[in-house]
Amino acid sequence: MEAKVVTTFKDKEHQHVYRVGDSYPAEGFVADEKRIELLSKPHSRTKKVYLFVEKKEKVPEDTTEKQSTDTPPTNENTSATAEPKKKTPPRKKPTTEVGE
């Protein structure tokens, strides 16, 4: 697992200084997921987050039914049948009456 540094820090485990924008862990170093998780949450003392882990979403397999090649696909939302959006009139500014 790899992460991006969002706050400069010196890693206590391997004495490497990480600057904002660096990849963590640095080339030649290995970090376990627990360490990355710890550094990607607010630190208990400093309240700073040191790493940002980009969550990679699993791409689901294509489960949609395939249309037969005999008939062309239909588009139920065509521009010819779509209703135009109604415009709302502009708001009137409230008038302030000044008494005597």
PDB file of N, CA and C in Angstrom:
ATOM      1  N   MET A   1       0.852  -1.171   0.000  1.00  0.00           N
ATOM      2  CA  MET A   1       0.000   0.000   0.000  1.00  0.00           C
ATOM      3  C   MET A   1       0.897   1.233   0.000  1.00  0.00           C
ATOM      4  N   GLU A   2       0.513   2.214  -0.812  1.00  0.00           N
ATOM      5  CA  GLU A   2       1.296   3.428  -0.908  1.00  0.00           C
ATOM      6  C   GLU A   2       0.412   4.610  -0.553  1.00  0.00           C
ATOM      7  N   ALA A   3       1.028   5.662  -0.013  1.00  0.00           N
ATOM      8  CA  ALA A   3       0.287   6.848   0.396  1.00  0.00           C
ATOM      9  C   ALA A   3       1.069   8.097   0.011  1.00  0.00           C
ATOM     10  N   LYS A   4       0.401   9.237   0.041  1.00  0.00           N
ATOM     11  CA  LYS A   4       1.036  10.519  -0.234  1.00  0.00           C
ATOM     12  C   LYS A   4       1.191  11.277   1.075  1.00  0.00           C
ATOM     13  N   VAL A   5       2.322  11.954   1.229  1.00  0.00           N
ATOM     14  CA  VAL A   5       2.594  12.728   2.431  1.00  0.00           C
ATOM     15  C   VAL A   5       1.866  14.069   2.322  1.00  0.00           C
ATOM     16  N   VAL A   6       1.100  14.430   3.370  1.00  0.00           N
ATOM     17  CA  VAL A   6       0.379  15.695   3.384  1.00  0.00           C
ATOM     18  C   VAL A   6       0.917  16.656   4.453  1.00  0.00           C
ATOM     19  N   THR A   7       1.756  16.160   5.356  1.00  0.00           N
ATOM     20  CA  THR A   7       2.416  16.979   6.375  1.00  0.00           C
ATOM     21  C   THR A   7       3.841  16.452   6.531  1.00  0.00           C
ATOM     22  N   THR A   8       4.825  17.357   6.488  1.00  0.00           N
ATOM     23  CA  THR A   8       6.225  16.952   6.609  1.00  0.00           C
ATOM     24  C   THR A   8       6.472  16.315   7.983  1.00  0.00           C
ATOM     25  N   PHE A   9       7.205  15.192   7.985  1.00  0.00           N
ATOM     26  CA  PHE A   9       7.537  14.521   9.243  1.00  0.00           C
ATOM     27  C   PHE A   9       8.779  13.650   9.061  1.00  0.00           C
ATOM     28  N   LYS A  10       9.380  13.277  10.193  1.00  0.00           N
ATOM     29  CA  LYS A  10      10.513  12.347  10.186  1.00  0.00           C
ATOM     30  C   LYS A  10      10.005  11.036  10.766  1.00  0.00           C
ATOM     31  N   ASP A  11      10.100   9.983   9.977  1.00  0.00           N
ATOM     32  CA  ASP A  11       9.605   8.680  10.402  1.00  0.00           C
ATOM     33  C   ASP A  11      10.538   8.100  11.454  1.00  0.00           C
ATOM     34  N   LYS A  12       9.987   7.760  12.601  1.00  0.00           N
ATOM     35  CA  LYS A  12      10.784   7.214  13.698  1.00  0.00           C
ATOM     36  C   LYS A  12      11.302   5.815  13.392  1.00  0.00           C
ATOM     37  N   GLU A  13      10.590   5.073  12.541  1.00  0.00           N
ATOM     38  CA  GLU A  13      10.986   3.693  12.265  1.00  0.00           C
ATOM     39  C   GLU A  13      12.242   3.592  11.415  1.00  0.00           C
ATOM     40  N   HIS A  14      12.414   4.489  10.414  1.00  0.00           N
ATOM     41  CA  HIS A  14      13.606   4.381   9.588  1.00  0.00           C
ATOM     42  C   HIS A  14      14.310   5.724   9.361  1.00  0.00           C
ATOM     43  N   GLN A  15      14.040   6.699  10.231  1.00  0.00           N
ATOM     44  CA  GLN A  15      14.765   7.967  10.266  1.00  0.00           C
ATOM     45  C   GLN A  15      14.812   8.688   8.924  1.00  0.00           C
ATOM     46  N   HIS A  16      13.756   8.605   8.160  1.00  0.00           N
ATOM     47  CA  HIS A  16      13.695   9.268   6.865  1.00  0.00           C
ATOM     48  C   HIS A  16      12.771  10.476   6.982  1.00  0.00           C
ATOM     49  N   VAL A  17      13.180  11.612   6.410  1.00  0.00           N
ATOM     50  CA  VAL A  17      12.340  12.805   6.424  1.00  0.00           C
ATOM     51  C   VAL A  17      11.448  12.791   5.187  1.00  0.00           C
ATOM     52  N   TYR A  18      10.155  12.866   5.410  1.00  0.00           N
ATOM     53  CA  TYR A  18       9.172  12.898   4.333  1.00  0.00           C
ATOM     54  C   TYR A  18       8.624  14.315   4.214  1.00  0.00           C
ATOM     55  N   ARG A  19       8.600  14.805   2.992  1.00  0.00           N
ATOM     56  CA  ARG A  19       8.079  16.143   2.732  1.00  0.00           C
ATOM     57  C   ARG A  19       6.756  16.030   1.977  1.00  0.00           C
ATOM     58  N   VAL A  20       5.953  17.101   2.050  1.00  0.00           N
ATOM     59  CA  VAL A  20       4.644  17.124   1.406  1.00  0.00           C
ATOM     60  C   VAL A  20       4.786  16.774  -0.074  1.00  0.00           C
ATOM     61  N   GLY A  21       3.966  15.827  -0.521  1.00  0.00           N
ATOM     62  CA  GLY A  21       3.976  15.383  -1.904  1.00  0.00           C
ATOM     63  C   GLY A  21       4.790  14.120  -2.139  1.00  0.00           C
ATOM     64  N   ASP A  22       5.648  13.741  -1.170  1.00  0.00           N
ATOM     65  CA  ASP A  22       6.432  12.508  -1.304  1.00  0.00           C
ATOM     66  C   ASP A  22       5.519  11.295  -1.224  1.00  0.00           C
ATOM     67  N   SER A  23       6.001  10.188  -1.764  1.00  0.00           N
ATOM     68  CA  SER A  23       5.308   8.914  -1.609  1.00  0.00           C
ATOM     69  C   SER A  23       5.807   8.242  -0.343  1.00  0.00           C
ATOM     70  N   TYR A  24       4.917   7.553   0.345  1.00  0.00           N
ATOM     71  CA  TYR A  24       5.273   6.816   1.551  1.00  0.00           C
ATOM     72  C   TYR A  24       4.909   5.362   1.355  1.00  0.00           C
ATOM     73  N   PRO A  25       5.777   4.435   1.627  1.00  0.00           N
ATOM     74  CA  PRO A  25       7.137   4.597   2.122  1.00  0.00           C
ATOM     75  C   PRO A  25       8.103   4.960   0.991  1.00  0.00           C
ATOM     76  N   ALA A  26       9.222   5.535   1.361  1.00  0.00           N
ATOM     77  CA  ALA A  26      10.230   5.932   0.377  1.00  0.00           C
ATOM     78  C   ALA A  26      10.819   4.684  -0.275  1.00  0.00           C
ATOM     79  N   GLU A  27      11.430   4.896  -1.430  1.00  0.00           N
ATOM     80  CA  GLU A  27      12.031   3.783  -2.166  1.00  0.00           C
ATOM     81  C   GLU A  27      13.067   3.084  -1.276  1.00  0.00           C
ATOM     82  N   GLY A  28      12.970   1.784  -1.218  1.00  0.00           N
ATOM     83  CA  GLY A  28      13.893   0.998  -0.400  1.00  0.00           C
ATOM     84  C   GLY A  28      13.380   0.713   1.001  1.00  0.00           C
ATOM     85  N   PHE A  29      12.256   1.309   1.377  1.00  0.00           N
ATOM     86  CA  PHE A  29      11.677   1.089   2.693  1.00  0.00           C
ATOM     87  C   PHE A  29      10.349   0.367   2.546  1.00  0.00           C
ATOM     88  N   VAL A  30       9.978  -0.324   3.617  1.00  0.00           N
ATOM     89  CA  VAL A  30       8.717  -1.053   3.632  1.00  0.00           C
ATOM     90  C   VAL A  30       7.933  -0.612   4.865  1.00  0.00           C
ATOM     91  N   ALA A  31       6.651  -0.367   4.688  1.00  0.00           N
ATOM     92  CA  ALA A  31       5.789  -0.008   5.815  1.00  0.00           C
ATOM     93  C   ALA A  31       4.573  -0.918   5.788  1.00  0.00           C
ATOM     94  N   ASP A  32       4.182  -1.392   6.960  1.00  0.00           N
ATOM     95  CA  ASP A  32       3.004  -2.256   7.004  1.00  0.00           C
ATOM     96  C   ASP A  32       1.732  -1.406   7.015  1.00  0.00           C
ATOM     97  N   GLU A  33       0.614  -2.039   6.781  1.00  0.00           N
ATOM     98  CA  GLU A  33      -0.656  -1.327   6.669  1.00  0.00           C
ATOM     99  C   GLU A  33      -1.053  -0.646   7.975  1.00  0.00           C
ATOM    100  N   LYS A  34      -0.691  -1.238   9.119  1.00  0.00           N
ATOM    101  CA  LYS A  34      -1.020  -0.624  10.405  1.00  0.00           C
ATOM    102  C   LYS A  34      -0.311   0.720  10.563  1.00  0.00           C
ATOM    103  N   ARG A  35       0.950   0.789  10.118  1.00  0.00           N
ATOM    104  CA  ARG A  35       1.720   2.036  10.214  1.00  0.00           C
ATOM    105  C   ARG A  35       1.109   3.107   9.306  1.00  0.00           C
ATOM    106  N   ILE A  36       0.746   2.722   8.112  1.00  0.00           N
ATOM    107  CA  ILE A  36       0.139   3.662   7.178  1.00  0.00           C
ATOM    108  C   ILE A  36      -1.210   4.146   7.721  1.00  0.00           C
ATOM    109  N   GLU A  37      -1.986   3.243   8.283  1.00  0.00           N
ATOM    110  CA  GLU A  37      -3.275   3.611   8.864  1.00  0.00           C
ATOM    111  C   GLU A  37      -3.080   4.578  10.030  1.00  0.00           C
ATOM    112  N   LEU A  38      -2.085   4.331  10.859  1.00  0.00           N
ATOM    113  CA  LEU A  38      -1.797   5.199  12.003  1.00  0.00           C
ATOM    114  C   LEU A  38      -1.444   6.612  11.536  1.00  0.00           C
ATOM    115  N   LEU A  39      -0.616   6.714  10.498  1.00  0.00           N
ATOM    116  CA  LEU A  39      -0.178   8.023  10.014  1.00  0.00           C
ATOM    117  C   LEU A  39      -1.232   8.733   9.166  1.00  0.00           C
ATOM    118  N   SER A  40      -2.271   8.021   8.763  1.00  0.00           N
ATOM    119  CA  SER A  40      -3.305   8.647   7.944  1.00  0.00           C
ATOM    120  C   SER A  40      -4.498   9.128   8.763  1.00  0.00           C
ATOM    121  N   LYS A  41      -4.408   9.009  10.073  1.00  0.00           N
ATOM    122  CA  LYS A  41      -5.443   9.502  10.975  1.00  0.00           C
ATOM    123  C   LYS A  41      -4.842  10.603  11.849  1.00  0.00           C
ATOM    124  N   PRO A  42      -5.672  11.488  12.409  1.00  0.00           N
ATOM    125  CA  PRO A  42      -5.125  12.545  13.263  1.00  0.00           C
ATOM    126  C   PRO A  42      -4.295  11.967  14.415  1.00  0.00           C
ATOM    127  N   HIS A  43      -3.080  12.483  14.561  1.00  0.00           N
ATOM    128  CA  HIS A  43      -2.167  12.037  15.618  1.00  0.00           C
ATOM    129  C   HIS A  43      -2.738  12.449  16.969  1.00  0.00           C
ATOM    130  N   SER A  44      -2.603  11.609  17.982  1.00  0.00           N
ATOM    131  CA  SER A  44      -3.203  11.873  19.286  1.00  0.00           C
ATOM    132  C   SER A  44      -2.638  13.124  19.958  1.00  0.00           C
ATOM    133  N   ARG A  45      -1.360  13.403  19.768  1.00  0.00           N
ATOM    134  CA  ARG A  45      -0.744  14.559  20.415  1.00  0.00           C
ATOM    135  C   ARG A  45      -0.764  15.797  19.532  1.00  0.00           C
ATOM    136  N   THR A  46      -0.372  15.666  18.276  1.00  0.00           N
ATOM    137  CA  THR A  46      -0.251  16.825  17.386  1.00  0.00           C
ATOM    138  C   THR A  46      -1.544  17.151  16.652  1.00  0.00           C
ATOM    139  N   LYS A  47      -2.478  16.211  16.614  1.00  0.00           N
ATOM    140  CA  LYS A  47      -3.762  16.365  15.907  1.00  0.00           C
ATOM    141  C   LYS A  47      -3.574  16.572  14.411  1.00  0.00           C
ATOM    142  N   LYS A  48      -2.435  16.168  13.860  1.00  0.00           N
ATOM    143  CA  LYS A  48      -2.152  16.317  12.431  1.00  0.00           C
ATOM    144  C   LYS A  48      -2.273  14.971  11.727  1.00  0.00           C
ATOM    145  N   VAL A  49      -2.639  15.045  10.456  1.00  0.00           N
ATOM    146  CA  VAL A  49      -2.672  13.870   9.588  1.00  0.00           C
ATOM    147  C   VAL A  49      -1.420  13.955   8.730  1.00  0.00           C
ATOM    148  N   TYR A  50      -0.678  12.867   8.628  1.00  0.00           N
ATOM    149  CA  TYR A  50       0.588  12.890   7.906  1.00  0.00           C
ATOM    150  C   TYR A  50       0.516  12.249   6.529  1.00  0.00           C
ATOM    151  N   LEU A  51      -0.400  11.316   6.346  1.00  0.00           N
ATOM    152  CA  LEU A  51      -0.507  10.618   5.065  1.00  0.00           C
ATOM    153  C   LEU A  51      -1.937  10.647   4.550  1.00  0.00           C
ATOM    154  N   PHE A  52      -2.045  10.621   3.216  1.00  0.00           N
ATOM    155  CA  PHE A  52      -3.342  10.478   2.560  1.00  0.00           C
ATOM    156  C   PHE A  52      -3.290   9.202   1.743  1.00  0.00           C
ATOM    157  N   VAL A  53      -4.202   8.297   2.031  1.00  0.00           N
ATOM    158  CA  VAL A  53      -4.273   7.034   1.302  1.00  0.00           C
ATOM    159  C   VAL A  53      -5.447   7.123   0.346  1.00  0.00           C
ATOM    160  N   GLU A  54      -5.155   6.966  -0.929  1.00  0.00           N
ATOM    161  CA  GLU A  54      -6.214   6.994  -1.931  1.00  0.00           C
ATOM    162  C   GLU A  54      -6.846   5.621  -1.968  1.00  0.00           C
ATOM    163  N   LYS A  55      -8.127   5.604  -1.666  1.00  0.00           N
ATOM    164  CA  LYS A  55      -8.850   4.331  -1.659  1.00  0.00           C
ATOM    165  C   LYS A  55      -9.136   3.933  -3.096  1.00  0.00           C
ATOM    166  N   LYS A  56      -8.717   2.749  -3.464  1.00  0.00           N
ATOM    167  CA  LYS A  56      -9.001   2.243  -4.803  1.00  0.00           C
ATOM    168  C   LYS A  56     -10.266   1.422  -4.724  1.00  0.00           C
ATOM    169  N   GLU A  57     -11.264   1.856  -5.493  1.00  0.00           N
ATOM    170  CA  GLU A  57     -12.533   1.140  -5.502  1.00  0.00           C
ATOM    171  C   GLU A  57     -12.417  -0.087  -6.387  1.00  0.00           C
ATOM    172  N   LYS A  58     -13.032  -1.138  -5.918  1.00  0.00           N
ATOM    173  CA  LYS A  58     -13.064  -2.342  -6.731  1.00  0.00           C
ATOM    174  C   LYS A  58     -14.072  -2.139  -7.850  1.00  0.00           C
ATOM    175  N   VAL A  59     -13.662  -2.434  -9.050  1.00  0.00           N
ATOM    176  CA  VAL A  59     -14.548  -2.286 -10.200  1.00  0.00           C
ATOM    177  C   VAL A  59     -15.390  -3.550 -10.310  1.00  0.00           C
ATOM    178  N   PRO A  60     -16.707  -3.404 -10.184  1.00  0.00           N
ATOM    179  CA  PRO A  60     -17.548  -4.601 -10.270  1.00  0.00           C
ATOM    180  C   PRO A  60     -17.554  -5.135 -11.692  1.00  0.00           C
ATOM    181  N   GLU A  61     -17.725  -6.426 -11.766  1.00  0.00           N
ATOM    182  CA  GLU A  61     -17.793  -7.043 -13.087  1.00  0.00           C
ATOM    183  C   GLU A  61     -19.048  -6.584 -13.790  1.00  0.00           C
ATOM    184  N   ASP A  62     -19.007  -6.546 -15.102  1.00  0.00           N
ATOM    185  CA  ASP A  62     -20.142  -6.100 -15.891  1.00  0.00           C
ATOM    186  C   ASP A  62     -21.253  -7.140 -15.790  1.00  0.00           C
ATOM    187  N   THR A  63     -22.321  -6.783 -15.081  1.00  0.00           N
ATOM    188  CA  THR A  63     -23.431  -7.706 -14.887  1.00  0.00           C
ATOM    189  C   THR A  63     -24.651  -7.296 -15.688  1.00  0.00           C
ATOM    190  N   THR A  64     -24.515  -6.260 -16.519  1.00  0.00           N
ATOM    191  CA  THR A  64     -25.657  -5.826 -17.317  1.00  0.00           C
ATOM    192  C   THR A  64     -25.912  -6.828 -18.428  1.00  0.00           C
ATOM    193  N   GLU A  65     -27.176  -6.939 -18.785  1.00  0.00           N
ATOM    194  CA  GLU A  65     -27.532  -7.854 -19.851  1.00  0.00           C
ATOM    195  C   GLU A  65     -27.083  -7.269 -21.180  1.00  0.00           C
ATOM    196  N   LYS A  66     -26.528  -8.099 -21.991  1.00  0.00           N
ATOM    197  CA  LYS A  66     -26.095  -7.646 -23.301  1.00  0.00           C
ATOM    198  C   LYS A  66     -27.275  -7.726 -24.249  1.00  0.00           C
ATOM    199  N   GLN A  67     -27.452  -6.640 -25.037  1.00  0.00           N
ATOM    200  CA  GLN A  67     -28.531  -6.635 -26.013  1.00  0.00           C
ATOM    201  C   GLN A  67     -28.104  -7.433 -27.228  1.00  0.00           C
ATOM    202  N   SER A  68     -29.084  -8.010 -27.851  1.00  0.00           N
ATOM    203  CA  SER A  68     -28.760  -8.770 -29.043  1.00  0.00           C
ATOM    204  C   SER A  68     -28.342  -7.803 -30.144  1.00  0.00           C
ATOM    205  N   THR A  69     -27.562  -8.284 -31.066  1.00  0.00           N
ATOM    206  CA  THR A  69     -27.079  -7.440 -32.153  1.00  0.00           C
ATOM    207  C   THR A  69     -28.115  -7.289 -33.254  1.00  0.00           C
ATOM    208  N   ASP A  70     -29.257  -8.005 -33.139  1.00  0.00           N
ATOM    209  CA  ASP A  70     -30.291  -7.924 -34.160  1.00  0.00           C
ATOM    210  C   ASP A  70     -31.051  -6.591 -34.107  1.00  0.00           C
ATOM    211  N   THR A  71     -31.257  -6.051 -32.890  1.00  0.00           N
ATOM    212  CA  THR A  71     -32.006  -4.808 -32.768  1.00  0.00           C
ATOM    213  C   THR A  71     -31.094  -3.713 -32.222  1.00  0.00           C
ATOM    214  N   PRO A  72     -31.230  -2.501 -32.754  1.00  0.00           N
ATOM    215  CA  PRO A  72     -30.395  -1.415 -32.253  1.00  0.00           C
ATOM    216  C   PRO A  72     -30.841  -0.991 -30.861  1.00  0.00           C
ATOM    217  N   PRO A  73     -29.946  -0.448 -30.046  1.00  0.00           N
ATOM    218  CA  PRO A  73     -30.340   0.002 -28.708  1.00  0.00           C
ATOM    219  C   PRO A  73     -31.282   1.194 -28.817  1.00  0.00           C
ATOM    220  N   THR A  74     -32.186   1.285 -27.860  1.00  0.00           N
ATOM    221  CA  THR A  74     -33.139   2.398 -27.869  1.00  0.00           C
ATOM    222  C   THR A  74     -32.777   3.366 -26.760  1.00  0.00           C
ATOM    223  N   ASN A  75     -33.036   4.633 -27.022  1.00  0.00           N
ATOM    224  CA  ASN A  75     -32.803   5.656 -26.028  1.00  0.00           C
ATOM    225  C   ASN A  75     -34.153   6.243 -25.676  1.00  0.00           C
ATOM    226  N   GLU A  76     -34.625   5.941 -24.470  1.00  0.00           N
ATOM    227  CA  GLU A  76     -35.956   6.379 -24.078  1.00  0.00           C
ATOM    228  C   GLU A  76     -36.010   7.870 -23.777  1.00  0.00           C
ATOM    229  N   ASN A  77     -34.882   8.500 -23.491  1.00  0.00           N
ATOM    230  CA  ASN A  77     -34.849   9.917 -23.164  1.00  0.00           C
ATOM    231  C   ASN A  77     -34.300  10.678 -24.362  1.00  0.00           C
ATOM    232  N   THR A  78     -35.128  10.899 -25.350  1.00  0.00           N
ATOM    233  CA  THR A  78     -34.679  11.622 -26.531  1.00  0.00           C
ATOM    234  C   THR A  78     -35.002  13.087 -26.367  1.00  0.00           C
ATOM    235  N   SER A  79     -34.238  13.931 -27.039  1.00  0.00           N
ATOM    236  CA  SER A  79     -34.435  15.372 -26.907  1.00  0.00           C
ATOM    237  C   SER A  79     -35.757  15.815 -27.513  1.00  0.00           C
ATOM    238  N   ALA A  80     -36.311  15.085 -28.477  1.00  0.00           N
ATOM    239  CA  ALA A  80     -37.571  15.466 -29.104  1.00  0.00           C
ATOM    240  C   ALA A  80     -38.735  15.310 -28.141  1.00  0.00           C
ATOM    241  N   THR A  81     -38.644  14.337 -27.227  1.00  0.00           N
ATOM    242  CA  THR A  81     -39.753  14.106 -26.308  1.00  0.00           C
ATOM    243  C   THR A  81     -39.521  14.741 -24.946  1.00  0.00           C
ATOM    244  N   ALA A  82     -38.330  15.232 -24.679  1.00  0.00           N
ATOM    245  CA  ALA A  82     -38.043  15.818 -23.378  1.00  0.00           C
ATOM    246  C   ALA A  82     -38.716  17.178 -23.264  1.00  0.00           C
ATOM    247  N   GLU A  83     -39.312  17.436 -22.098  1.00  0.00           N
ATOM    248  CA  GLU A  83     -39.974  18.717 -21.885  1.00  0.00           C
ATOM    249  C   GLU A  83     -38.941  19.772 -21.534  1.00  0.00           C
ATOM    250  N   PRO A  84     -39.093  21.000 -22.061  1.00  0.00           N
ATOM    251  CA  PRO A  84     -38.141  22.054 -21.709  1.00  0.00           C
ATOM    252  C   PRO A  84     -38.321  22.459 -20.254  1.00  0.00           C
ATOM    253  N   LYS A  85     -37.233  22.890 -19.639  1.00  0.00           N
ATOM    254  CA  LYS A  85     -37.300  23.328 -18.250  1.00  0.00           C
ATOM    255  C   LYS A  85     -38.010  24.661 -18.184  1.00  0.00           C
ATOM    256  N   LYS A  86     -38.846  24.807 -17.161  1.00  0.00           N
ATOM    257  CA  LYS A  86     -39.560  26.058 -16.970  1.00  0.00           C
ATOM    258  C   LYS A  86     -38.670  27.018 -16.198  1.00  0.00           C
ATOM    259  N   LYS A  87     -38.622  28.249 -16.669  1.00  0.00           N
ATOM    260  CA  LYS A  87     -37.828  29.255 -15.978  1.00  0.00           C
ATOM    261  C   LYS A  87     -38.677  29.893 -14.898  1.00  0.00           C
ATOM    262  N   THR A  88     -38.081  30.093 -13.739  1.00  0.00           N
ATOM    263  CA  THR A  88     -38.786  30.772 -12.662  1.00  0.00           C
ATOM    264  C   THR A  88     -38.547  32.263 -12.799  1.00  0.00           C
ATOM    265  N   PRO A  89     -39.538  33.059 -12.505  1.00  0.00           N
ATOM    266  CA  PRO A  89     -39.341  34.503 -12.626  1.00  0.00           C
ATOM    267  C   PRO A  89     -38.338  34.991 -11.584  1.00  0.00           C
ATOM    268  N   PRO A  90     -37.631  36.082 -11.889  1.00  0.00           N
ATOM    269  CA  PRO A  90     -36.656  36.587 -10.924  1.00  0.00           C
ATOM    270  C   PRO A  90     -37.356  37.070  -9.663  1.00  0.00           C
ATOM    271  N   ARG A  91     -36.661  36.982  -8.552  1.00  0.00           N
ATOM    272  CA  ARG A  91     -37.225  37.426  -7.282  1.00  0.00           C
ATOM    273  C   ARG A  91     -37.279  38.942  -7.235  1.00  0.00           C
ATOM    274  N   LYS A  92     -38.332  39.428  -6.621  1.00  0.00           N
ATOM    275  CA  LYS A  92     -38.435  40.861  -6.425  1.00  0.00           C
ATOM    276  C   LYS A  92     -37.743  41.221  -5.132  1.00  0.00           C
ATOM    277  N   LYS A  93     -37.029  42.325  -5.143  1.00  0.00           N
ATOM    278  CA  LYS A  93     -36.361  42.777  -3.917  1.00  0.00           C
ATOM    279  C   LYS A  93     -37.412  43.292  -2.958  1.00  0.00           C
ATOM    280  N   PRO A  94     -37.275  42.931  -1.695  1.00  0.00           N
ATOM    281  CA  PRO A  94     -38.258  43.433  -0.733  1.00  0.00           C
ATOM    282  C   PRO A  94     -38.100  44.940  -0.552  1.00  0.00           C
ATOM    283  N   THR A  95     -39.219  45.594  -0.428  1.00  0.00           N
ATOM    284  CA  THR A  95     -39.169  47.043  -0.210  1.00  0.00           C
ATOM    285  C   THR A  95     -39.240  47.330   1.265  1.00  0.00           C
ATOM    286  N   THR A  96     -38.459  48.288   1.668  1.00  0.00           N
ATOM    287  CA  THR A  96     -38.453  48.676   3.073  1.00  0.00           C
ATOM    288  C   THR A  96     -39.185  49.998   3.196  1.00  0.00           C
ATOM    289  N   GLU A  97     -40.212  50.014   4.003  1.00  0.00           N
ATOM    290  CA  GLU A  97     -40.970  51.249   4.192  1.00  0.00           C
ATOM    291  C   GLU A  97     -40.411  51.973   5.401  1.00  0.00           C
ATOM    292  N   VAL A  98     -40.237  53.253   5.242  1.00  0.00           N
ATOM    293  CA  VAL A  98     -39.716  54.069   6.330  1.00  0.00           C
ATOM    294  C   VAL A  98     -40.865  54.894   6.877  1.00  0.00           C
ATOM    295  N   GLY A  99     -41.110  54.744   8.161  1.00  0.00           N
ATOM    296  CA  GLY A  99     -42.208  55.493   8.791  1.00  0.00           C
ATOM    297  C   GLY A  99     -41.758  56.881   9.209  1.00  0.00           C
ATOM    298  N   GLU A 100     -42.746  57.675   9.613  1.00  0.00           N
ATOM    299  CA  GLU A 100     -42.430  59.034  10.047  1.00  0.00           C
ATOM    300  C   GLU A 100     -41.813  59.069  11.392  1.00  0.00           C
TER     301      GLU A 100
END
